[in-house]
Amino acid sequence: MKTINILGCGRVGCTLGYLWRDKEVFAIQDVLNTTMGSTRQAIQFVGAGRAVSQIEDMQPADVWLIAVPDSQIAATAKLLARYLSGNKPAIVFHCSGALAAEVMSPLRALSCKIASAHCILSFSDPSSAIHQFIGTPCALEGDVDAKQTLQTAFEAIGANCFNLDAKDKVRYHAAAVFATNFLPVLQVVASDLWSSTGMPKELIAPLNVSLLNKAVQNITSQGATKALTGPAARGDIDLVSLQGKAVTEWDEQAGIAYAALSQLAMRVAKNGTILK
């Protein structure tokens, strides 16, 4: 069984570490977080691993996972490259959806194989994510040898892997943002807008939940195009204009979002796609 070290064992690292340990895919070896307390918590969740306080204390491993925030990946890769200099080359990968493997290029200079592996799943709660993981699409990008190893590892825990070109990663990740990250924002906008009209606060949250659940049910049963409703979908340009003005007077950014989303809704209603 290949060994793996984890740099930055947060929500993603904990989820993957738990699943790989549970399915006996990797032997979880050393784990390094920013604090020893968080490292011990991660190891407790994963159910395996050795807590270390600095990279110099980590043992050699077959595979290294860099699961730190995107802004820290390049710096972490440089740090790891200094540590691995003179050691046996390894497979190193990160889990960013937007950044390519090339951000870790100092490691390639040491003959390490580098890659990125991004799973399209909400990791907000690792305890939930481990139960939701099966069937999750996983985009692989980078060196061929590294991708082959990662495909085997991710498919062993239920992922559906596919190859992605580095040049397409930013648009690919933007799609995931549209699919999930903006939903909470839209819920807050709707809640604040209702509140501004004097609607009783105790009615707002249940109404949001009810409408959201019904929308999801319609999308999954009918498809997004057929589930589309509202004035833009009906082509009621006058009402769209009237509502857009009212929302803009309330909040300029919300008004801009309303106008842009209404234009997209019209294109979807007309063509079944936003592509012209």
C-alpha atoms as a PDB file:
ATOM      1  CA  MET A   1       0.000   0.000   0.000  1.00  0.00           C
ATOM      2  CA  LYS A   2       1.346   3.441  -0.955  1.00  0.00           C
ATOM      3  CA  THR A   3       2.002   5.950   1.816  1.00  0.00           C
ATOM      4  CA  ILE A   4       0.613   9.485   1.803  1.00  0.00           C
ATOM      5  CA  ASN A   5       1.505  12.636   3.742  1.00  0.00           C
ATOM      6  CA  ILE A   6      -0.985  15.493   4.058  1.00  0.00           C
ATOM      7  CA  LEU A   7      -0.052  19.167   4.188  1.00  0.00           C
ATOM      8  CA  GLY A   8      -3.121  21.091   5.294  1.00  0.00           C
ATOM      9  CA  CYS A   9      -5.617  18.539   6.556  1.00  0.00           C
ATOM     10  CA  GLY A  10      -8.734  20.682   6.690  1.00  0.00           C
ATOM     11  CA  ARG A  11     -12.188  19.779   5.422  1.00  0.00           C
ATOM     12  CA  VAL A  12     -11.000  18.341   2.096  1.00  0.00           C
ATOM     13  CA  GLY A  13      -7.961  16.608   3.569  1.00  0.00           C
ATOM     14  CA  CYS A  14      -9.992  15.099   6.396  1.00  0.00           C
ATOM     15  CA  THR A  15     -12.657  13.783   4.039  1.00  0.00           C
ATOM     16  CA  LEU A  16     -10.201  12.211   1.612  1.00  0.00           C
ATOM     17  CA  GLY A  17      -7.942  10.935   4.385  1.00  0.00           C
ATOM     18  CA  TYR A  18     -10.861   9.237   6.133  1.00  0.00           C
ATOM     19  CA  LEU A  19     -12.108   7.587   2.947  1.00  0.00           C
ATOM     20  CA  TRP A  20      -8.647   6.398   1.859  1.00  0.00           C
ATOM     21  CA  ARG A  21      -7.941   5.015   5.294  1.00  0.00           C
ATOM     22  CA  ASP A  22     -11.363   3.343   5.442  1.00  0.00           C
ATOM     23  CA  LYS A  23     -10.981   1.723   2.004  1.00  0.00           C
ATOM     24  CA  GLU A  24      -7.292   0.891   2.608  1.00  0.00           C
ATOM     25  CA  VAL A  25      -6.212   2.868  -0.454  1.00  0.00           C
ATOM     26  CA  PHE A  26      -3.340   4.775   1.171  1.00  0.00           C
ATOM     27  CA  ALA A  27      -1.501   4.332   4.436  1.00  0.00           C
ATOM     28  CA  ILE A  28      -2.018   7.729   6.093  1.00  0.00           C
ATOM     29  CA  GLN A  29       1.393   8.696   7.388  1.00  0.00           C
ATOM     30  CA  ASP A  30       2.260  12.246   8.539  1.00  0.00           C
ATOM     31  CA  VAL A  31      -0.102  15.219   8.837  1.00  0.00           C
ATOM     32  CA  LEU A  32       0.881  18.880   9.166  1.00  0.00           C
ATOM     33  CA  ASN A  33      -1.500  21.774   9.843  1.00  0.00           C
ATOM     34  CA  THR A  34      -0.838  25.319  10.985  1.00  0.00           C
ATOM     35  CA  THR A  35      -1.368  24.361  14.644  1.00  0.00           C
ATOM     36  CA  MET A  36      -0.752  21.157  16.526  1.00  0.00           C
ATOM     37  CA  GLY A  37      -4.272  21.314  17.920  1.00  0.00           C
ATOM     38  CA  SER A  38      -5.902  21.291  14.490  1.00  0.00           C
ATOM     39  CA  THR A  39      -3.505  18.561  13.360  1.00  0.00           C
ATOM     40  CA  ARG A  40      -4.550  16.314  16.240  1.00  0.00           C
ATOM     41  CA  GLN A  41      -8.224  16.997  15.504  1.00  0.00           C
ATOM     42  CA  ALA A  42      -7.674  16.051  11.856  1.00  0.00           C
ATOM     43  CA  ILE A  43      -5.935  12.810  12.790  1.00  0.00           C
ATOM     44  CA  GLN A  44      -8.738  11.952  15.180  1.00  0.00           C
ATOM     45  CA  PHE A  45     -11.287  12.417  12.394  1.00  0.00           C
ATOM     46  CA  VAL A  46      -9.261  10.535   9.777  1.00  0.00           C
ATOM     47  CA  GLY A  47      -8.538   7.716  12.201  1.00  0.00           C
ATOM     48  CA  ALA A  48      -4.855   7.445  11.312  1.00  0.00           C
ATOM     49  CA  GLY A  49      -1.682   9.468  10.898  1.00  0.00           C
ATOM     50  CA  ARG A  50       1.083  11.054  12.929  1.00  0.00           C
ATOM     51  CA  ALA A  51       0.936  14.700  13.977  1.00  0.00           C
ATOM     52  CA  VAL A  52       4.042  16.754  13.201  1.00  0.00           C
ATOM     53  CA  SER A  53       4.782  20.405  13.870  1.00  0.00           C
ATOM     54  CA  GLN A  54       7.076  21.146  10.911  1.00  0.00           C
ATOM     55  CA  ILE A  55       7.737  19.758   7.473  1.00  0.00           C
ATOM     56  CA  GLU A  56      11.258  18.699   8.424  1.00  0.00           C
ATOM     57  CA  ASP A  57       9.730  16.123  10.797  1.00  0.00           C
ATOM     58  CA  MET A  58       7.761  14.393   8.046  1.00  0.00           C
ATOM     59  CA  GLN A  59       8.833  11.016   6.746  1.00  0.00           C
ATOM     60  CA  PRO A  60       9.341  10.310   3.024  1.00  0.00           C
ATOM     61  CA  ALA A  61       6.129   9.213   1.327  1.00  0.00           C
ATOM     62  CA  ASP A  62       5.010   7.865  -2.043  1.00  0.00           C
ATOM     63  CA  VAL A  63       2.322  10.539  -2.382  1.00  0.00           C
ATOM     64  CA  TRP A  64       1.938  14.036  -0.924  1.00  0.00           C
ATOM     65  CA  LEU A  65      -1.369  15.905  -0.756  1.00  0.00           C
ATOM     66  CA  ILE A  66      -1.193  19.701  -0.533  1.00  0.00           C
ATOM     67  CA  ALA A  67      -4.664  20.648   0.690  1.00  0.00           C
ATOM     68  CA  VAL A  68      -3.974  24.205   1.832  1.00  0.00           C
ATOM     69  CA  PRO A  69      -5.976  27.248   0.558  1.00  0.00           C
ATOM     70  CA  ASP A  70      -5.306  28.143  -3.087  1.00  0.00           C
ATOM     71  CA  SER A  71      -3.302  31.238  -2.143  1.00  0.00           C
ATOM     72  CA  GLN A  72      -0.851  29.080  -0.183  1.00  0.00           C
ATOM     73  CA  ILE A  73      -0.297  26.223  -2.662  1.00  0.00           C
ATOM     74  CA  ALA A  74       2.655  27.757  -4.530  1.00  0.00           C
ATOM     75  CA  ALA A  75       4.487  28.687  -1.335  1.00  0.00           C
ATOM     76  CA  THR A  76       3.827  25.267   0.191  1.00  0.00           C
ATOM     77  CA  ALA A  77       5.125  23.577  -2.955  1.00  0.00           C
ATOM     78  CA  LYS A  78       8.344  25.600  -2.749  1.00  0.00           C
ATOM     79  CA  LEU A  79       8.747  24.631   0.889  1.00  0.00           C
ATOM     80  CA  LEU A  80       8.160  20.978   0.070  1.00  0.00           C
ATOM     81  CA  ALA A  81      10.618  21.166  -2.839  1.00  0.00           C
ATOM     82  CA  ARG A  82      13.353  22.365  -0.501  1.00  0.00           C
ATOM     83  CA  TYR A  83      12.577  19.493   1.856  1.00  0.00           C
ATOM     84  CA  LEU A  84      12.462  16.849  -0.878  1.00  0.00           C
ATOM     85  CA  SER A  85      15.672  17.995  -2.556  1.00  0.00           C
ATOM     86  CA  GLY A  86      17.982  14.985  -2.660  1.00  0.00           C
ATOM     87  CA  ASN A  87      15.199  12.556  -1.671  1.00  0.00           C
ATOM     88  CA  LYS A  88      13.358  10.022  -3.789  1.00  0.00           C
ATOM     89  CA  PRO A  89      10.881  11.687  -6.197  1.00  0.00           C
ATOM     90  CA  ALA A  90       7.225  11.419  -5.206  1.00  0.00           C
ATOM     91  CA  ILE A  91       3.761  12.137  -6.560  1.00  0.00           C
ATOM     92  CA  VAL A  92       2.484  15.501  -5.327  1.00  0.00           C
ATOM     93  CA  PHE A  93      -1.012  16.842  -5.978  1.00  0.00           C
ATOM     94  CA  HIS A  94      -3.309  19.615  -4.823  1.00  0.00           C
ATOM     95  CA  CYS A  95      -7.101  19.834  -4.771  1.00  0.00           C
ATOM     96  CA  SER A  96      -7.722  23.318  -6.164  1.00  0.00           C
ATOM     97  CA  GLY A  97     -10.442  23.585  -8.762  1.00  0.00           C
ATOM     98  CA  ALA A  98      -9.043  26.735 -10.351  1.00  0.00           C
ATOM     99  CA  LEU A  99      -5.258  26.296 -10.187  1.00  0.00           C
ATOM    100  CA  ALA A 100      -3.325  23.961 -12.468  1.00  0.00           C
ATOM    101  CA  ALA A 101      -0.667  21.513 -11.315  1.00  0.00           C
ATOM    102  CA  GLU A 102       1.970  23.810 -12.809  1.00  0.00           C
ATOM    103  CA  VAL A 103       1.672  26.067  -9.748  1.00  0.00           C
ATOM    104  CA  MET A 104       3.843  23.390  -8.090  1.00  0.00           C
ATOM    105  CA  SER A 105       6.508  23.485 -10.821  1.00  0.00           C
ATOM    106  CA  PRO A 106       9.491  23.598  -8.379  1.00  0.00           C
ATOM    107  CA  LEU A 107       8.635  19.995  -7.524  1.00  0.00           C
ATOM    108  CA  ARG A 108       8.813  18.901 -11.151  1.00  0.00           C
ATOM    109  CA  ALA A 109      12.407  20.123 -11.231  1.00  0.00           C
ATOM    110  CA  LEU A 110      13.094  17.384  -8.656  1.00  0.00           C
ATOM    111  CA  SER A 111      11.557  14.752 -10.973  1.00  0.00           C
ATOM    112  CA  CYS A 112       8.393  14.625  -8.879  1.00  0.00           C
ATOM    113  CA  LYS A 113       5.164  13.924 -10.748  1.00  0.00           C
ATOM    114  CA  ILE A 114       2.609  16.658 -10.116  1.00  0.00           C
ATOM    115  CA  ALA A 115      -1.138  16.859 -10.627  1.00  0.00           C
ATOM    116  CA  SER A 116      -4.352  18.449  -9.448  1.00  0.00           C
ATOM    117  CA  ALA A 117      -7.475  16.561  -8.428  1.00  0.00           C
ATOM    118  CA  HIS A 118     -10.676  18.499  -7.819  1.00  0.00           C
ATOM    119  CA  CYS A 119     -13.840  16.847  -6.538  1.00  0.00           C
ATOM    120  CA  ILE A 120     -17.124  18.643  -7.247  1.00  0.00           C
ATOM    121  CA  LEU A 121     -18.650  18.266  -3.805  1.00  0.00           C
ATOM    122  CA  SER A 122     -19.367  20.563  -0.871  1.00  0.00           C
ATOM    123  CA  PHE A 123     -16.819  19.819   1.831  1.00  0.00           C
ATOM    124  CA  SER A 124     -18.354  22.241   4.348  1.00  0.00           C
ATOM    125  CA  ASP A 125     -18.857  19.335   6.751  1.00  0.00           C
ATOM    126  CA  PRO A 126     -16.485  16.342   6.437  1.00  0.00           C
ATOM    127  CA  SER A 127     -18.865  14.152   8.443  1.00  0.00           C
ATOM    128  CA  SER A 128     -21.493  14.663   5.752  1.00  0.00           C
ATOM    129  CA  ALA A 129     -19.055  14.671   2.832  1.00  0.00           C
ATOM    130  CA  ILE A 130     -17.776  11.154   3.573  1.00  0.00           C
ATOM    131  CA  HIS A 131     -21.325   9.850   3.149  1.00  0.00           C
ATOM    132  CA  GLN A 132     -22.044  11.935   0.045  1.00  0.00           C
ATOM    133  CA  PHE A 133     -18.804  11.203  -1.793  1.00  0.00           C
ATOM    134  CA  ILE A 134     -19.795   8.175  -3.892  1.00  0.00           C
ATOM    135  CA  GLY A 135     -20.500   9.270  -7.465  1.00  0.00           C
ATOM    136  CA  THR A 136     -18.690  12.602  -7.082  1.00  0.00           C
ATOM    137  CA  PRO A 137     -17.089  13.832 -10.340  1.00  0.00           C
ATOM    138  CA  CYS A 138     -13.329  14.359  -9.954  1.00  0.00           C
ATOM    139  CA  ALA A 139     -11.299  16.403 -12.459  1.00  0.00           C
ATOM    140  CA  LEU A 140      -7.706  15.233 -12.938  1.00  0.00           C
ATOM    141  CA  GLU A 141      -5.023  17.393 -14.546  1.00  0.00           C
ATOM    142  CA  GLY A 142      -1.243  17.175 -14.667  1.00  0.00           C
ATOM    143  CA  ASP A 143       1.437  14.558 -15.334  1.00  0.00           C
ATOM    144  CA  VAL A 144       0.213  11.270 -16.784  1.00  0.00           C
ATOM    145  CA  ASP A 145       1.836   9.026 -14.169  1.00  0.00           C
ATOM    146  CA  ALA A 146       0.430  11.095 -11.323  1.00  0.00           C
ATOM    147  CA  LYS A 147      -3.058  11.119 -12.844  1.00  0.00           C
ATOM    148  CA  GLN A 148      -3.025   7.343 -13.234  1.00  0.00           C
ATOM    149  CA  THR A 149      -2.192   6.865  -9.556  1.00  0.00           C
ATOM    150  CA  LEU A 150      -4.807   9.400  -8.491  1.00  0.00           C
ATOM    151  CA  GLN A 151      -7.498   7.945 -10.735  1.00  0.00           C
ATOM    152  CA  THR A 152      -7.029   4.553  -9.082  1.00  0.00           C
ATOM    153  CA  ALA A 153      -7.102   6.158  -5.621  1.00  0.00           C
ATOM    154  CA  PHE A 154     -10.171   8.306  -6.218  1.00  0.00           C
ATOM    155  CA  GLU A 155     -12.153   5.623  -8.018  1.00  0.00           C
ATOM    156  CA  ALA A 156     -11.481   3.297  -5.077  1.00  0.00           C
ATOM    157  CA  ILE A 157     -13.517   5.641  -2.860  1.00  0.00           C
ATOM    158  CA  GLY A 158     -16.315   6.108  -5.389  1.00  0.00           C
ATOM    159  CA  ALA A 159     -15.318   9.105  -7.509  1.00  0.00           C
ATOM    160  CA  ASN A 160     -16.069   9.426 -11.222  1.00  0.00           C
ATOM    161  CA  CYS A 161     -12.770  10.696 -12.651  1.00  0.00           C
ATOM    162  CA  PHE A 162     -12.257  12.600 -15.880  1.00  0.00           C
ATOM    163  CA  ASN A 163      -9.348  14.450 -17.470  1.00  0.00           C
ATOM    164  CA  LEU A 164      -9.281  18.238 -17.661  1.00  0.00           C
ATOM    165  CA  ASP A 165      -6.886  20.506 -19.559  1.00  0.00           C
ATOM    166  CA  ALA A 166      -5.036  23.091 -17.492  1.00  0.00           C
ATOM    167  CA  LYS A 167      -6.261  25.915 -19.759  1.00  0.00           C
ATOM    168  CA  ASP A 168      -9.880  25.072 -18.925  1.00  0.00           C
ATOM    169  CA  LYS A 169      -9.577  24.918 -15.138  1.00  0.00           C
ATOM    170  CA  VAL A 170     -10.678  28.471 -14.332  1.00  0.00           C
ATOM    171  CA  ARG A 171     -13.878  28.194 -16.405  1.00  0.00           C
ATOM    172  CA  TYR A 172     -14.474  24.705 -15.027  1.00  0.00           C
ATOM    173  CA  HIS A 173     -14.276  25.977 -11.463  1.00  0.00           C
ATOM    174  CA  ALA A 174     -16.439  28.991 -12.283  1.00  0.00           C
ATOM    175  CA  ALA A 175     -19.147  26.533 -13.347  1.00  0.00           C
ATOM    176  CA  ALA A 176     -19.012  24.943  -9.907  1.00  0.00           C
ATOM    177  CA  VAL A 177     -19.346  28.401  -8.348  1.00  0.00           C
ATOM    178  CA  PHE A 178     -22.473  29.059 -10.410  1.00  0.00           C
ATOM    179  CA  ALA A 179     -23.883  25.640  -9.540  1.00  0.00           C
ATOM    180  CA  THR A 180     -23.554  25.935  -5.781  1.00  0.00           C
ATOM    181  CA  ASN A 181     -21.636  28.868  -4.289  1.00  0.00           C
ATOM    182  CA  PHE A 182     -24.104  31.557  -5.397  1.00  0.00           C
ATOM    183  CA  LEU A 183     -27.164  29.775  -3.986  1.00  0.00           C
ATOM    184  CA  PRO A 184     -26.549  30.955  -0.400  1.00  0.00           C
ATOM    185  CA  VAL A 185     -25.993  34.502  -1.688  1.00  0.00           C
ATOM    186  CA  LEU A 186     -29.310  34.468  -3.562  1.00  0.00           C
ATOM    187  CA  GLN A 187     -31.076  33.182  -0.459  1.00  0.00           C
ATOM    188  CA  VAL A 188     -29.682  36.041   1.611  1.00  0.00           C
ATOM    189  CA  VAL A 189     -30.628  38.605  -1.051  1.00  0.00           C
ATOM    190  CA  ALA A 190     -34.177  37.262  -1.156  1.00  0.00           C
ATOM    191  CA  SER A 191     -34.423  37.280   2.648  1.00  0.00           C
ATOM    192  CA  ASP A 192     -33.117  40.840   2.928  1.00  0.00           C
ATOM    193  CA  LEU A 193     -35.384  42.044   0.121  1.00  0.00           C
ATOM    194  CA  TRP A 194     -38.464  40.486   1.740  1.00  0.00           C
ATOM    195  CA  SER A 195     -37.452  41.938   5.107  1.00  0.00           C
ATOM    196  CA  SER A 196     -37.223  45.394   3.542  1.00  0.00           C
ATOM    197  CA  THR A 197     -40.926  45.157   2.633  1.00  0.00           C
ATOM    198  CA  GLY A 198     -41.984  44.515   6.224  1.00  0.00           C
ATOM    199  CA  MET A 199     -42.713  40.830   5.721  1.00  0.00           C
ATOM    200  CA  PRO A 200     -42.719  39.071   9.146  1.00  0.00           C
ATOM    201  CA  LYS A 201     -39.264  37.641   9.797  1.00  0.00           C
ATOM    202  CA  GLU A 202     -40.656  34.373  11.126  1.00  0.00           C
ATOM    203  CA  LEU A 203     -42.174  33.680   7.701  1.00  0.00           C
ATOM    204  CA  ILE A 204     -39.089  34.403   5.604  1.00  0.00           C
ATOM    205  CA  ALA A 205     -36.816  31.451   6.439  1.00  0.00           C
ATOM    206  CA  PRO A 206     -39.538  28.767   6.005  1.00  0.00           C
ATOM    207  CA  LEU A 207     -40.623  30.383   2.742  1.00  0.00           C
ATOM    208  CA  ASN A 208     -37.062  30.387   1.407  1.00  0.00           C
ATOM    209  CA  VAL A 209     -36.670  26.712   2.300  1.00  0.00           C
ATOM    210  CA  SER A 210     -40.004  25.798   0.705  1.00  0.00           C
ATOM    211  CA  LEU A 211     -39.306  27.654  -2.547  1.00  0.00           C
ATOM    212  CA  LEU A 212     -35.769  26.320  -2.777  1.00  0.00           C
ATOM    213  CA  ASN A 213     -36.870  22.719  -2.208  1.00  0.00           C
ATOM    214  CA  LYS A 214     -39.614  23.010  -4.819  1.00  0.00           C
ATOM    215  CA  ALA A 215     -37.203  24.568  -7.317  1.00  0.00           C
ATOM    216  CA  VAL A 216     -34.684  21.756  -6.799  1.00  0.00           C
ATOM    217  CA  GLN A 217     -37.434  19.147  -7.209  1.00  0.00           C
ATOM    218  CA  ASN A 218     -38.580  20.758 -10.460  1.00  0.00           C
ATOM    219  CA  ILE A 219     -35.034  21.019 -11.817  1.00  0.00           C
ATOM    220  CA  THR A 220     -34.216  17.383 -11.030  1.00  0.00           C
ATOM    221  CA  SER A 221     -37.504  16.065 -12.394  1.00  0.00           C
ATOM    222  CA  GLN A 222     -38.020  18.323 -15.417  1.00  0.00           C
ATOM    223  CA  GLY A 223     -34.586  19.740 -16.208  1.00  0.00           C
ATOM    224  CA  ALA A 224     -33.432  23.323 -15.643  1.00  0.00           C
ATOM    225  CA  THR A 225     -34.990  24.797 -18.791  1.00  0.00           C
ATOM    226  CA  LYS A 226     -38.497  23.491 -18.154  1.00  0.00           C
ATOM    227  CA  ALA A 227     -38.258  24.398 -14.467  1.00  0.00           C
ATOM    228  CA  LEU A 228     -37.549  28.039 -15.294  1.00  0.00           C
ATOM    229  CA  THR A 229     -40.347  30.397 -14.195  1.00  0.00           C
ATOM    230  CA  GLY A 230     -40.839  34.099 -13.521  1.00  0.00           C
ATOM    231  CA  PRO A 231     -41.286  37.269 -15.583  1.00  0.00           C
ATOM    232  CA  ALA A 232     -38.053  36.868 -17.567  1.00  0.00           C
ATOM    233  CA  ALA A 233     -38.972  33.310 -18.538  1.00  0.00           C
ATOM    234  CA  ARG A 234     -42.376  34.572 -19.698  1.00  0.00           C
ATOM    235  CA  GLY A 235     -40.760  37.360 -21.678  1.00  0.00           C
ATOM    236  CA  ASP A 236     -42.506  40.034 -19.606  1.00  0.00           C
ATOM    237  CA  ILE A 237     -39.937  42.757 -20.338  1.00  0.00           C
ATOM    238  CA  ASP A 238     -41.993  45.544 -18.741  1.00  0.00           C
ATOM    239  CA  LEU A 239     -42.207  43.754 -15.390  1.00  0.00           C
ATOM    240  CA  VAL A 240     -38.516  42.813 -15.527  1.00  0.00           C
ATOM    241  CA  SER A 241     -37.667  46.477 -16.068  1.00  0.00           C
ATOM    242  CA  LEU A 242     -39.971  47.608 -13.273  1.00  0.00           C
ATOM    243  CA  GLN A 243     -38.599  45.074 -10.797  1.00  0.00           C
ATOM    244  CA  GLY A 244     -35.028  45.792 -11.835  1.00  0.00           C
ATOM    245  CA  LYS A 245     -35.487  49.489 -11.116  1.00  0.00           C
ATOM    246  CA  ALA A 246     -37.045  48.779  -7.718  1.00  0.00           C
ATOM    247  CA  VAL A 247     -34.262  46.395  -6.722  1.00  0.00           C
ATOM    248  CA  THR A 248     -31.575  48.827  -7.893  1.00  0.00           C
ATOM    249  CA  GLU A 249     -33.084  51.593  -5.767  1.00  0.00           C
ATOM    250  CA  TRP A 250     -32.899  49.220  -2.805  1.00  0.00           C
ATOM    251  CA  ASP A 251     -29.351  47.980  -3.492  1.00  0.00           C
ATOM    252  CA  GLU A 252     -27.293  48.782  -6.590  1.00  0.00           C
ATOM    253  CA  GLN A 253     -25.326  45.527  -6.718  1.00  0.00           C
ATOM    254  CA  ALA A 254     -28.462  43.452  -6.244  1.00  0.00           C
ATOM    255  CA  GLY A 255     -30.042  45.419  -9.084  1.00  0.00           C
ATOM    256  CA  ILE A 256     -27.125  44.657 -11.387  1.00  0.00           C
ATOM    257  CA  ALA A 257     -27.396  40.963 -10.483  1.00  0.00           C
ATOM    258  CA  TYR A 258     -31.159  41.001 -11.114  1.00  0.00           C
ATOM    259  CA  ALA A 259     -30.682  42.534 -14.562  1.00  0.00           C
ATOM    260  CA  ALA A 260     -27.907  40.122 -15.563  1.00  0.00           C
ATOM    261  CA  LEU A 261     -29.753  37.035 -14.333  1.00  0.00           C
ATOM    262  CA  SER A 262     -32.945  38.181 -16.051  1.00  0.00           C
ATOM    263  CA  GLN A 263     -31.096  38.516 -19.369  1.00  0.00           C
ATOM    264  CA  LEU A 264     -29.686  35.015 -18.959  1.00  0.00           C
ATOM    265  CA  ALA A 265     -33.120  33.672 -18.021  1.00  0.00           C
ATOM    266  CA  MET A 266     -34.573  35.101 -21.246  1.00  0.00           C
ATOM    267  CA  ARG A 267     -31.870  33.387 -23.299  1.00  0.00           C
ATOM    268  CA  VAL A 268     -32.457  30.069 -21.542  1.00  0.00           C
ATOM    269  CA  ALA A 269     -36.239  30.351 -22.036  1.00  0.00           C
ATOM    270  CA  LYS A 270     -35.767  31.101 -25.732  1.00  0.00           C
ATOM    271  CA  ASN A 271     -32.924  28.749 -26.664  1.00  0.00           C
ATOM    272  CA  GLY A 272     -32.565  26.270 -23.809  1.00  0.00           C
ATOM    273  CA  THR A 273     -28.997  27.543 -23.319  1.00  0.00           C
ATOM    274  CA  ILE A 274     -27.216  30.828 -22.654  1.00  0.00           C
ATOM    275  CA  LEU A 275     -25.026  30.290 -25.716  1.00  0.00           C
ATOM    276  CA  LYS A 276     -25.945  32.548 -28.612  1.00  0.00           C
END
